[in-house]
Amino acid sequence: MATFGEAGTGVNASTGIGDTKIAGKFSLSSGGNVTKLTAYVNAMFGGNAKGFIYSDISGEPNSLQGTTAEVAVNTSGSPAWVDFTFASSVGLSAGTYWLGLIFDNGGDINHYTDSSGGYRRVDADTYSDGPASSWGASDTSDDDLLSIYATYTPVTAKHNLMMMGAGTA
């Protein structure tokens, strides 16, 4: 298993308002099958959230690649790493992706600021029907880096050839 994203614990809390999604941009160096997202969250009063992955186009979130199962986030006010698991793995090629969460009742995602710019996007989106299939225009764009990462199984070139029937073990 491998990871991509940000595994450092952020020091600034960013409030996840209900019916809002928040995402950070990260690079995947080689293809793989993502099984879960893990986010550093803080929910003083509890609430539900789902994780998601969007593709990237020209530095902005684009098409939904996968959504996790709902998780009841109740960390009693103390930030903690919480897993958001996909029902089946999400296959991704090497490239840039947006990892994030959508909230039904608020909660905090801790993140830290990275001055290189353009990492975080926030957008209104109705929680009850899940993240929209395409992102749309962001309500907020800033340089904050979210504490969220994806766990995946790398796909090797040999594995790709075998899956396509072009080779043998």
N, C-alpha and C. Protein backbone atom coordinates (compact mmCIF):
# COMPACT_ATOMS: atom_id res chain seq x y z
N MET A 1 0.84 -1.18 0.00
CA MET A 1 0.00 0.00 0.00
C MET A 1 0.88 1.25 0.00
N ALA A 2 0.38 2.28 -0.62
CA ALA A 2 1.08 3.56 -0.70
C ALA A 2 0.06 4.66 -0.45
N THR A 3 0.55 5.87 -0.29
CA THR A 3 -0.36 7.02 -0.06
C THR A 3 0.06 8.19 -0.94
N PHE A 4 -0.91 9.08 -1.19
CA PHE A 4 -0.60 10.39 -1.76
C PHE A 4 -1.56 11.38 -1.14
N GLY A 5 -1.10 12.61 -1.00
CA GLY A 5 -1.87 13.64 -0.31
C GLY A 5 -1.02 14.25 0.78
N GLU A 6 -1.64 14.72 1.84
CA GLU A 6 -0.94 15.38 2.94
C GLU A 6 -1.23 14.65 4.25
N ALA A 7 -0.18 14.01 4.82
CA ALA A 7 -0.33 13.26 6.06
C ALA A 7 0.11 14.06 7.28
N GLY A 8 0.49 15.32 7.09
CA GLY A 8 0.83 16.17 8.22
C GLY A 8 -0.42 16.75 8.85
N THR A 9 -0.40 16.90 10.17
CA THR A 9 -1.57 17.45 10.86
C THR A 9 -1.54 18.98 10.79
N GLY A 10 -2.54 19.53 10.16
CA GLY A 10 -2.64 20.98 10.05
C GLY A 10 -2.90 21.63 11.39
N VAL A 11 -2.55 22.90 11.51
CA VAL A 11 -2.72 23.61 12.77
C VAL A 11 -3.90 24.57 12.75
N ASN A 12 -4.40 24.92 11.57
CA ASN A 12 -5.53 25.85 11.46
C ASN A 12 -6.78 25.07 11.08
N ALA A 13 -7.86 25.25 11.84
CA ALA A 13 -9.11 24.56 11.54
C ALA A 13 -9.90 25.34 10.50
N SER A 14 -10.38 24.63 9.50
CA SER A 14 -11.23 25.22 8.47
C SER A 14 -12.60 24.59 8.62
N THR A 15 -13.62 25.39 8.89
CA THR A 15 -14.94 24.86 9.19
C THR A 15 -15.64 24.34 7.95
N GLY A 16 -16.09 23.09 8.01
CA GLY A 16 -16.88 22.48 6.95
C GLY A 16 -18.35 22.72 7.21
N ILE A 17 -18.96 23.63 6.49
CA ILE A 17 -20.36 23.99 6.67
C ILE A 17 -21.23 22.95 5.96
N GLY A 18 -22.42 22.67 6.51
CA GLY A 18 -23.32 21.72 5.89
C GLY A 18 -23.59 22.06 4.42
N ASP A 19 -23.76 21.02 3.60
CA ASP A 19 -23.99 21.16 2.16
C ASP A 19 -22.86 21.93 1.47
N THR A 20 -21.64 21.66 1.94
CA THR A 20 -20.44 22.26 1.36
C THR A 20 -19.40 21.17 1.18
N LYS A 21 -18.65 21.26 0.08
CA LYS A 21 -17.52 20.34 -0.12
C LYS A 21 -16.24 21.16 -0.13
N ILE A 22 -15.17 20.52 0.33
CA ILE A 22 -13.88 21.16 0.43
C ILE A 22 -12.84 20.16 -0.09
N ALA A 23 -11.90 20.63 -0.89
CA ALA A 23 -10.93 19.71 -1.50
C ALA A 23 -9.56 20.34 -1.62
N GLY A 24 -8.55 19.47 -1.62
CA GLY A 24 -7.17 19.88 -1.83
C GLY A 24 -6.59 19.14 -3.02
N LYS A 25 -5.67 19.80 -3.72
CA LYS A 25 -5.07 19.26 -4.94
C LYS A 25 -3.76 18.54 -4.62
N PHE A 26 -3.65 17.29 -5.16
CA PHE A 26 -2.47 16.46 -4.90
C PHE A 26 -2.10 15.68 -6.15
N SER A 27 -0.83 15.30 -6.25
CA SER A 27 -0.34 14.55 -7.40
C SER A 27 -0.10 13.09 -7.05
N LEU A 28 -0.54 12.23 -7.96
CA LEU A 28 -0.31 10.78 -7.88
C LEU A 28 0.77 10.46 -8.91
N SER A 29 1.92 9.95 -8.45
CA SER A 29 3.06 9.76 -9.35
C SER A 29 2.94 8.54 -10.26
N SER A 30 2.19 7.54 -9.85
CA SER A 30 1.95 6.37 -10.69
C SER A 30 0.55 5.86 -10.43
N GLY A 31 -0.02 5.15 -11.40
CA GLY A 31 -1.40 4.69 -11.27
C GLY A 31 -1.61 3.76 -10.09
N GLY A 32 -2.85 3.67 -9.66
CA GLY A 32 -3.16 2.79 -8.55
C GLY A 32 -4.65 2.71 -8.29
N ASN A 33 -5.02 1.82 -7.38
CA ASN A 33 -6.41 1.63 -6.97
C ASN A 33 -6.59 2.13 -5.55
N VAL A 34 -7.33 3.23 -5.39
CA VAL A 34 -7.53 3.88 -4.10
C VAL A 34 -8.63 3.15 -3.32
N THR A 35 -8.32 2.80 -2.07
CA THR A 35 -9.29 2.09 -1.23
C THR A 35 -9.92 2.99 -0.17
N LYS A 36 -9.20 4.04 0.24
CA LYS A 36 -9.76 4.93 1.27
C LYS A 36 -9.08 6.28 1.27
N LEU A 37 -9.77 7.25 1.84
CA LEU A 37 -9.21 8.55 2.16
C LEU A 37 -9.12 8.63 3.68
N THR A 38 -8.14 9.35 4.17
CA THR A 38 -8.00 9.56 5.61
C THR A 38 -7.83 11.06 5.82
N ALA A 39 -8.67 11.63 6.67
CA ALA A 39 -8.64 13.09 6.89
C ALA A 39 -8.50 13.39 8.37
N TYR A 40 -7.78 14.46 8.66
CA TYR A 40 -7.63 14.93 10.03
C TYR A 40 -8.78 15.87 10.30
N VAL A 41 -9.77 15.40 11.07
CA VAL A 41 -11.00 16.17 11.27
C VAL A 41 -11.29 16.39 12.74
N ASN A 42 -12.13 17.35 12.98
CA ASN A 42 -12.55 17.72 14.32
C ASN A 42 -14.02 18.10 14.25
N ALA A 43 -14.88 17.33 14.92
CA ALA A 43 -16.32 17.63 14.91
C ALA A 43 -16.80 17.79 16.34
N MET A 44 -16.85 19.01 16.81
CA MET A 44 -17.25 19.29 18.18
C MET A 44 -18.65 18.77 18.49
N PHE A 45 -19.57 18.92 17.53
CA PHE A 45 -20.95 18.52 17.76
C PHE A 45 -21.36 17.32 16.92
N GLY A 46 -20.43 16.68 16.27
CA GLY A 46 -20.74 15.54 15.42
C GLY A 46 -21.27 15.98 14.08
N GLY A 47 -21.54 15.02 13.24
CA GLY A 47 -22.02 15.28 11.90
C GLY A 47 -21.57 14.17 10.98
N ASN A 48 -22.11 14.14 9.78
CA ASN A 48 -21.76 13.11 8.81
C ASN A 48 -20.97 13.74 7.67
N ALA A 49 -20.11 12.92 7.09
CA ALA A 49 -19.32 13.37 5.95
C ALA A 49 -19.05 12.19 5.03
N LYS A 50 -18.77 12.51 3.77
CA LYS A 50 -18.34 11.53 2.79
C LYS A 50 -17.07 12.07 2.16
N GLY A 51 -16.18 11.17 1.80
CA GLY A 51 -14.97 11.56 1.08
C GLY A 51 -15.21 11.44 -0.42
N PHE A 52 -14.36 12.11 -1.20
CA PHE A 52 -14.48 12.03 -2.65
C PHE A 52 -13.14 12.30 -3.32
N ILE A 53 -13.07 11.95 -4.60
CA ILE A 53 -11.93 12.27 -5.46
C ILE A 53 -12.48 12.86 -6.75
N TYR A 54 -11.94 14.02 -7.13
CA TYR A 54 -12.25 14.64 -8.43
C TYR A 54 -10.98 14.66 -9.27
N SER A 55 -11.12 14.53 -10.58
CA SER A 55 -10.00 14.72 -11.49
C SER A 55 -9.68 16.21 -11.55
N ASP A 56 -8.59 16.54 -12.23
CA ASP A 56 -8.15 17.94 -12.36
C ASP A 56 -8.13 18.32 -13.84
N ILE A 57 -8.55 19.55 -14.12
CA ILE A 57 -8.38 20.10 -15.46
C ILE A 57 -7.92 21.54 -15.30
N SER A 58 -6.75 21.84 -15.84
CA SER A 58 -6.16 23.18 -15.79
C SER A 58 -6.09 23.74 -14.38
N GLY A 59 -5.75 22.89 -13.40
CA GLY A 59 -5.58 23.34 -12.03
C GLY A 59 -6.85 23.49 -11.23
N GLU A 60 -7.97 23.01 -11.74
CA GLU A 60 -9.26 23.09 -11.03
C GLU A 60 -9.91 21.71 -10.96
N PRO A 61 -10.73 21.47 -9.91
CA PRO A 61 -11.45 20.20 -9.82
C PRO A 61 -12.39 20.05 -11.01
N ASN A 62 -12.54 18.81 -11.51
CA ASN A 62 -13.33 18.59 -12.71
C ASN A 62 -14.40 17.52 -12.51
N SER A 63 -14.09 16.25 -12.79
CA SER A 63 -15.07 15.17 -12.78
C SER A 63 -14.91 14.27 -11.55
N LEU A 64 -16.04 13.90 -10.96
CA LEU A 64 -16.05 13.02 -9.80
C LEU A 64 -15.53 11.64 -10.21
N GLN A 65 -14.58 11.13 -9.46
CA GLN A 65 -14.00 9.81 -9.73
C GLN A 65 -14.55 8.75 -8.78
N GLY A 66 -14.94 9.16 -7.57
CA GLY A 66 -15.47 8.21 -6.59
C GLY A 66 -15.89 8.91 -5.32
N THR A 67 -16.83 8.27 -4.61
CA THR A 67 -17.35 8.78 -3.34
C THR A 67 -17.30 7.66 -2.31
N THR A 68 -16.88 7.98 -1.11
CA THR A 68 -16.81 6.98 -0.04
C THR A 68 -18.17 6.78 0.61
N ALA A 69 -18.23 5.79 1.47
CA ALA A 69 -19.40 5.60 2.33
C ALA A 69 -19.46 6.75 3.33
N GLU A 70 -20.63 7.01 3.84
CA GLU A 70 -20.83 8.04 4.85
C GLU A 70 -20.17 7.62 6.17
N VAL A 71 -19.58 8.60 6.84
CA VAL A 71 -18.96 8.37 8.14
C VAL A 71 -19.54 9.36 9.14
N ALA A 72 -19.95 8.85 10.30
CA ALA A 72 -20.39 9.72 11.39
C ALA A 72 -19.13 10.21 12.10
N VAL A 73 -18.88 11.51 12.00
CA VAL A 73 -17.67 12.09 12.58
C VAL A 73 -18.02 12.65 13.95
N ASN A 74 -17.47 12.04 14.99
CA ASN A 74 -17.70 12.51 16.34
C ASN A 74 -16.40 12.37 17.10
N THR A 75 -15.59 13.38 17.03
CA THR A 75 -14.27 13.34 17.67
C THR A 75 -14.26 14.06 19.01
N SER A 76 -15.43 14.45 19.50
CA SER A 76 -15.56 15.12 20.80
C SER A 76 -14.68 16.34 20.93
N GLY A 77 -14.48 17.03 19.84
CA GLY A 77 -13.71 18.27 19.89
C GLY A 77 -12.22 18.11 19.73
N SER A 78 -11.73 16.87 19.79
CA SER A 78 -10.30 16.64 19.60
C SER A 78 -10.05 16.17 18.17
N PRO A 79 -9.15 16.82 17.45
CA PRO A 79 -8.86 16.38 16.08
C PRO A 79 -8.34 14.94 16.07
N ALA A 80 -8.73 14.20 15.03
CA ALA A 80 -8.30 12.81 14.90
C ALA A 80 -8.27 12.43 13.42
N TRP A 81 -7.46 11.44 13.08
CA TRP A 81 -7.44 10.89 11.72
C TRP A 81 -8.63 9.94 11.60
N VAL A 82 -9.46 10.18 10.58
CA VAL A 82 -10.67 9.37 10.36
C VAL A 82 -10.62 8.82 8.94
N ASP A 83 -10.91 7.51 8.81
CA ASP A 83 -10.92 6.85 7.51
C ASP A 83 -12.28 6.97 6.83
N PHE A 84 -12.25 7.21 5.52
CA PHE A 84 -13.43 7.26 4.65
C PHE A 84 -13.18 6.23 3.56
N THR A 85 -13.91 5.11 3.60
CA THR A 85 -13.63 3.96 2.75
C THR A 85 -14.55 3.90 1.53
N PHE A 86 -13.96 3.57 0.39
CA PHE A 86 -14.73 3.37 -0.84
C PHE A 86 -15.31 1.96 -0.84
N ALA A 87 -16.54 1.80 -1.33
CA ALA A 87 -17.18 0.48 -1.41
C ALA A 87 -16.37 -0.44 -2.31
N SER A 88 -15.85 0.08 -3.41
CA SER A 88 -14.92 -0.64 -4.26
C SER A 88 -13.83 0.34 -4.65
N SER A 89 -12.64 -0.18 -4.90
CA SER A 89 -11.50 0.71 -5.15
C SER A 89 -11.73 1.59 -6.39
N VAL A 90 -11.10 2.75 -6.35
CA VAL A 90 -11.19 3.73 -7.44
C VAL A 90 -9.87 3.71 -8.20
N GLY A 91 -9.91 3.27 -9.46
CA GLY A 91 -8.70 3.21 -10.27
C GLY A 91 -8.33 4.57 -10.83
N LEU A 92 -7.10 4.99 -10.58
CA LEU A 92 -6.60 6.29 -11.05
C LEU A 92 -5.29 6.11 -11.80
N SER A 93 -5.12 6.86 -12.87
CA SER A 93 -3.85 6.93 -13.59
C SER A 93 -2.98 7.97 -12.89
N ALA A 94 -1.70 7.97 -13.20
CA ALA A 94 -0.82 9.02 -12.67
C ALA A 94 -1.39 10.37 -13.10
N GLY A 95 -1.36 11.34 -12.21
CA GLY A 95 -1.88 12.67 -12.54
C GLY A 95 -2.22 13.45 -11.29
N THR A 96 -2.97 14.52 -11.48
CA THR A 96 -3.38 15.41 -10.39
C THR A 96 -4.84 15.17 -10.05
N TYR A 97 -5.12 15.10 -8.76
CA TYR A 97 -6.48 14.83 -8.28
C TYR A 97 -6.81 15.72 -7.09
N TRP A 98 -8.09 15.90 -6.85
CA TRP A 98 -8.60 16.68 -5.73
C TRP A 98 -9.24 15.73 -4.73
N LEU A 99 -8.69 15.68 -3.52
CA LEU A 99 -9.21 14.85 -2.44
C LEU A 99 -9.97 15.73 -1.48
N GLY A 100 -11.14 15.27 -1.03
CA GLY A 100 -11.89 16.13 -0.13
C GLY A 100 -13.04 15.46 0.56
N LEU A 101 -13.83 16.31 1.25
CA LEU A 101 -14.98 15.86 2.02
C LEU A 101 -16.18 16.76 1.73
N ILE A 102 -17.36 16.16 1.86
CA ILE A 102 -18.61 16.91 1.80
C ILE A 102 -19.33 16.68 3.13
N PHE A 103 -19.92 17.75 3.68
CA PHE A 103 -20.48 17.70 5.03
C PHE A 103 -22.00 17.86 5.05
N ASP A 104 -22.65 17.17 6.00
CA ASP A 104 -24.08 17.39 6.18
C ASP A 104 -24.36 18.33 7.34
N ASN A 105 -23.46 18.40 8.32
CA ASN A 105 -23.77 19.18 9.52
C ASN A 105 -22.54 19.85 10.10
N GLY A 106 -21.65 20.27 9.26
CA GLY A 106 -20.48 20.97 9.77
C GLY A 106 -19.47 20.05 10.43
N GLY A 107 -18.33 20.56 10.67
CA GLY A 107 -17.20 19.85 11.24
C GLY A 107 -15.97 20.63 10.82
N ASP A 108 -14.85 20.32 11.34
CA ASP A 108 -13.64 21.06 10.99
C ASP A 108 -12.65 20.13 10.32
N ILE A 109 -12.06 20.58 9.24
CA ILE A 109 -10.91 19.89 8.66
C ILE A 109 -9.70 20.74 8.99
N ASN A 110 -8.77 20.17 9.70
CA ASN A 110 -7.55 20.91 9.99
C ASN A 110 -6.64 20.89 8.77
N HIS A 111 -6.03 22.01 8.49
CA HIS A 111 -5.12 22.14 7.37
C HIS A 111 -4.04 23.13 7.74
N TYR A 112 -3.01 23.20 6.92
CA TYR A 112 -2.03 24.26 7.14
C TYR A 112 -1.79 24.98 5.82
N THR A 113 -1.32 26.20 5.93
CA THR A 113 -1.14 27.05 4.76
C THR A 113 0.18 26.76 4.08
N ASP A 114 0.11 26.60 2.78
CA ASP A 114 1.29 26.45 1.93
C ASP A 114 1.30 27.63 0.98
N SER A 115 2.34 28.42 1.00
CA SER A 115 2.37 29.67 0.24
C SER A 115 2.56 29.49 -1.26
N SER A 116 2.66 28.24 -1.75
CA SER A 116 2.86 28.08 -3.19
C SER A 116 1.56 28.26 -3.98
N GLY A 117 0.44 28.36 -3.32
CA GLY A 117 -0.81 28.79 -3.93
C GLY A 117 -1.65 27.73 -4.63
N GLY A 118 -2.96 27.96 -4.55
CA GLY A 118 -3.92 27.23 -5.35
C GLY A 118 -4.23 25.81 -4.97
N TYR A 119 -4.13 25.44 -3.72
CA TYR A 119 -4.35 24.05 -3.34
C TYR A 119 -5.77 23.74 -2.87
N ARG A 120 -6.50 24.66 -2.32
CA ARG A 120 -7.80 24.36 -1.72
C ARG A 120 -8.93 25.02 -2.47
N ARG A 121 -10.02 24.27 -2.63
CA ARG A 121 -11.24 24.80 -3.24
C ARG A 121 -12.42 24.43 -2.34
N VAL A 122 -13.40 25.33 -2.27
CA VAL A 122 -14.62 25.12 -1.49
C VAL A 122 -15.79 25.43 -2.39
N ASP A 123 -16.85 24.61 -2.31
CA ASP A 123 -18.01 24.79 -3.17
C ASP A 123 -19.27 24.30 -2.48
N ALA A 124 -20.37 25.00 -2.67
CA ALA A 124 -21.67 24.54 -2.16
C ALA A 124 -22.12 23.32 -2.96
N ASP A 125 -22.66 22.31 -2.26
CA ASP A 125 -23.12 21.09 -2.91
C ASP A 125 -24.04 20.37 -1.93
N THR A 126 -25.21 19.99 -2.36
CA THR A 126 -26.19 19.34 -1.49
C THR A 126 -25.68 17.97 -1.05
N TYR A 127 -25.59 17.77 0.26
CA TYR A 127 -25.05 16.54 0.82
C TYR A 127 -25.92 15.32 0.51
N SER A 128 -27.23 15.47 0.60
CA SER A 128 -28.13 14.32 0.51
C SER A 128 -28.03 13.56 -0.81
N ASP A 129 -27.64 14.22 -1.90
CA ASP A 129 -27.49 13.50 -3.18
C ASP A 129 -26.02 13.25 -3.53
N GLY A 130 -25.13 13.49 -2.58
CA GLY A 130 -23.70 13.23 -2.79
C GLY A 130 -23.04 14.31 -3.61
N PRO A 131 -21.72 14.23 -3.75
CA PRO A 131 -21.00 15.23 -4.54
C PRO A 131 -21.47 15.21 -6.00
N ALA A 132 -21.59 16.38 -6.59
CA ALA A 132 -22.02 16.49 -8.00
C ALA A 132 -21.01 15.79 -8.91
N SER A 133 -21.48 15.33 -10.06
CA SER A 133 -20.60 14.61 -11.00
C SER A 133 -19.50 15.50 -11.57
N SER A 134 -19.75 16.81 -11.68
CA SER A 134 -18.70 17.75 -12.02
C SER A 134 -18.69 18.87 -10.99
N TRP A 135 -17.51 19.40 -10.73
CA TRP A 135 -17.31 20.33 -9.62
C TRP A 135 -18.08 21.62 -9.79
N GLY A 136 -17.99 22.28 -10.94
CA GLY A 136 -18.59 23.61 -11.10
C GLY A 136 -17.63 24.69 -10.66
N ALA A 137 -18.13 25.90 -10.53
CA ALA A 137 -17.29 27.04 -10.11
C ALA A 137 -17.09 27.00 -8.60
N SER A 138 -15.86 27.19 -8.15
CA SER A 138 -15.57 27.20 -6.72
C SER A 138 -16.03 28.50 -6.09
N ASP A 139 -16.56 28.40 -4.87
CA ASP A 139 -16.94 29.59 -4.09
C ASP A 139 -15.72 30.22 -3.44
N THR A 140 -14.74 29.38 -3.09
CA THR A 140 -13.52 29.85 -2.43
C THR A 140 -12.33 29.15 -3.05
N SER A 141 -11.27 29.92 -3.24
CA SER A 141 -10.02 29.38 -3.76
C SER A 141 -8.90 30.01 -2.95
N ASP A 142 -8.06 29.17 -2.31
CA ASP A 142 -6.95 29.74 -1.55
C ASP A 142 -5.77 28.77 -1.55
N ASP A 143 -4.72 29.13 -0.82
CA ASP A 143 -3.49 28.34 -0.83
C ASP A 143 -3.34 27.44 0.39
N ASP A 144 -4.43 27.14 1.08
CA ASP A 144 -4.37 26.26 2.24
C ASP A 144 -4.24 24.80 1.79
N LEU A 145 -3.44 24.03 2.50
CA LEU A 145 -3.20 22.63 2.18
C LEU A 145 -3.91 21.75 3.19
N LEU A 146 -4.88 20.95 2.76
CA LEU A 146 -5.66 20.11 3.66
C LEU A 146 -4.89 18.92 4.17
N SER A 147 -5.20 18.52 5.39
CA SER A 147 -4.63 17.30 5.98
C SER A 147 -5.53 16.14 5.56
N ILE A 148 -5.29 15.61 4.37
CA ILE A 148 -6.06 14.49 3.83
C ILE A 148 -5.16 13.72 2.86
N TYR A 149 -5.27 12.41 2.89
CA TYR A 149 -4.48 11.59 1.96
C TYR A 149 -5.26 10.36 1.54
N ALA A 150 -4.85 9.80 0.42
CA ALA A 150 -5.47 8.60 -0.13
C ALA A 150 -4.51 7.42 0.04
N THR A 151 -5.09 6.25 0.36
CA THR A 151 -4.33 5.01 0.42
C THR A 151 -4.67 4.20 -0.83
N TYR A 152 -3.62 3.72 -1.52
CA TYR A 152 -3.86 3.00 -2.77
C TYR A 152 -2.86 1.87 -2.95
N THR A 153 -3.23 0.94 -3.81
CA THR A 153 -2.35 -0.13 -4.24
C THR A 153 -1.79 0.27 -5.59
N PRO A 154 -0.47 0.44 -5.71
CA PRO A 154 0.11 0.82 -7.00
C PRO A 154 -0.16 -0.27 -8.05
N VAL A 155 -0.35 0.18 -9.28
CA VAL A 155 -0.54 -0.73 -10.40
C VAL A 155 0.74 -0.69 -11.23
N THR A 156 1.38 -1.82 -11.38
CA THR A 156 2.63 -1.88 -12.14
C THR A 156 2.34 -2.07 -13.62
N ALA A 157 3.34 -1.79 -14.46
CA ALA A 157 3.19 -1.98 -15.91
C ALA A 157 2.89 -3.43 -16.22
N LYS A 158 3.54 -4.37 -15.53
CA LYS A 158 3.29 -5.80 -15.74
C LYS A 158 1.84 -6.14 -15.42
N HIS A 159 1.33 -5.58 -14.30
CA HIS A 159 -0.05 -5.82 -13.91
C HIS A 159 -1.01 -5.27 -14.96
N ASN A 160 -0.71 -4.08 -15.49
CA ASN A 160 -1.56 -3.49 -16.53
C ASN A 160 -1.62 -4.38 -17.76
N LEU A 161 -0.46 -4.93 -18.19
CA LEU A 161 -0.42 -5.81 -19.36
C LEU A 161 -1.21 -7.08 -19.10
N MET A 162 -1.09 -7.63 -17.90
CA MET A 162 -1.83 -8.85 -17.58
C MET A 162 -3.33 -8.59 -17.56
N MET A 163 -3.74 -7.43 -17.04
CA MET A 163 -5.15 -7.10 -16.96
C MET A 163 -5.74 -6.94 -18.36
N MET A 164 -4.91 -6.50 -19.32
CA MET A 164 -5.38 -6.31 -20.68
C MET A 164 -5.23 -7.58 -21.53
N GLY A 165 -4.67 -8.65 -20.93
CA GLY A 165 -4.48 -9.90 -21.65
C GLY A 165 -3.30 -9.89 -22.59
N ALA A 166 -2.36 -8.96 -22.42
CA ALA A 166 -1.24 -8.83 -23.33
C ALA A 166 0.01 -9.51 -22.82
N GLY A 167 -0.05 -10.14 -21.67
CA GLY A 167 1.15 -10.77 -21.14
C GLY A 167 0.80 -11.88 -20.19
N THR A 168 1.80 -12.57 -19.72
CA THR A 168 1.60 -13.63 -18.74
C THR A 168 2.53 -13.38 -17.57
N ALA A 169 2.23 -14.03 -16.49
CA ALA A 169 3.02 -13.83 -15.28
C ALA A 169 4.39 -14.46 -15.38
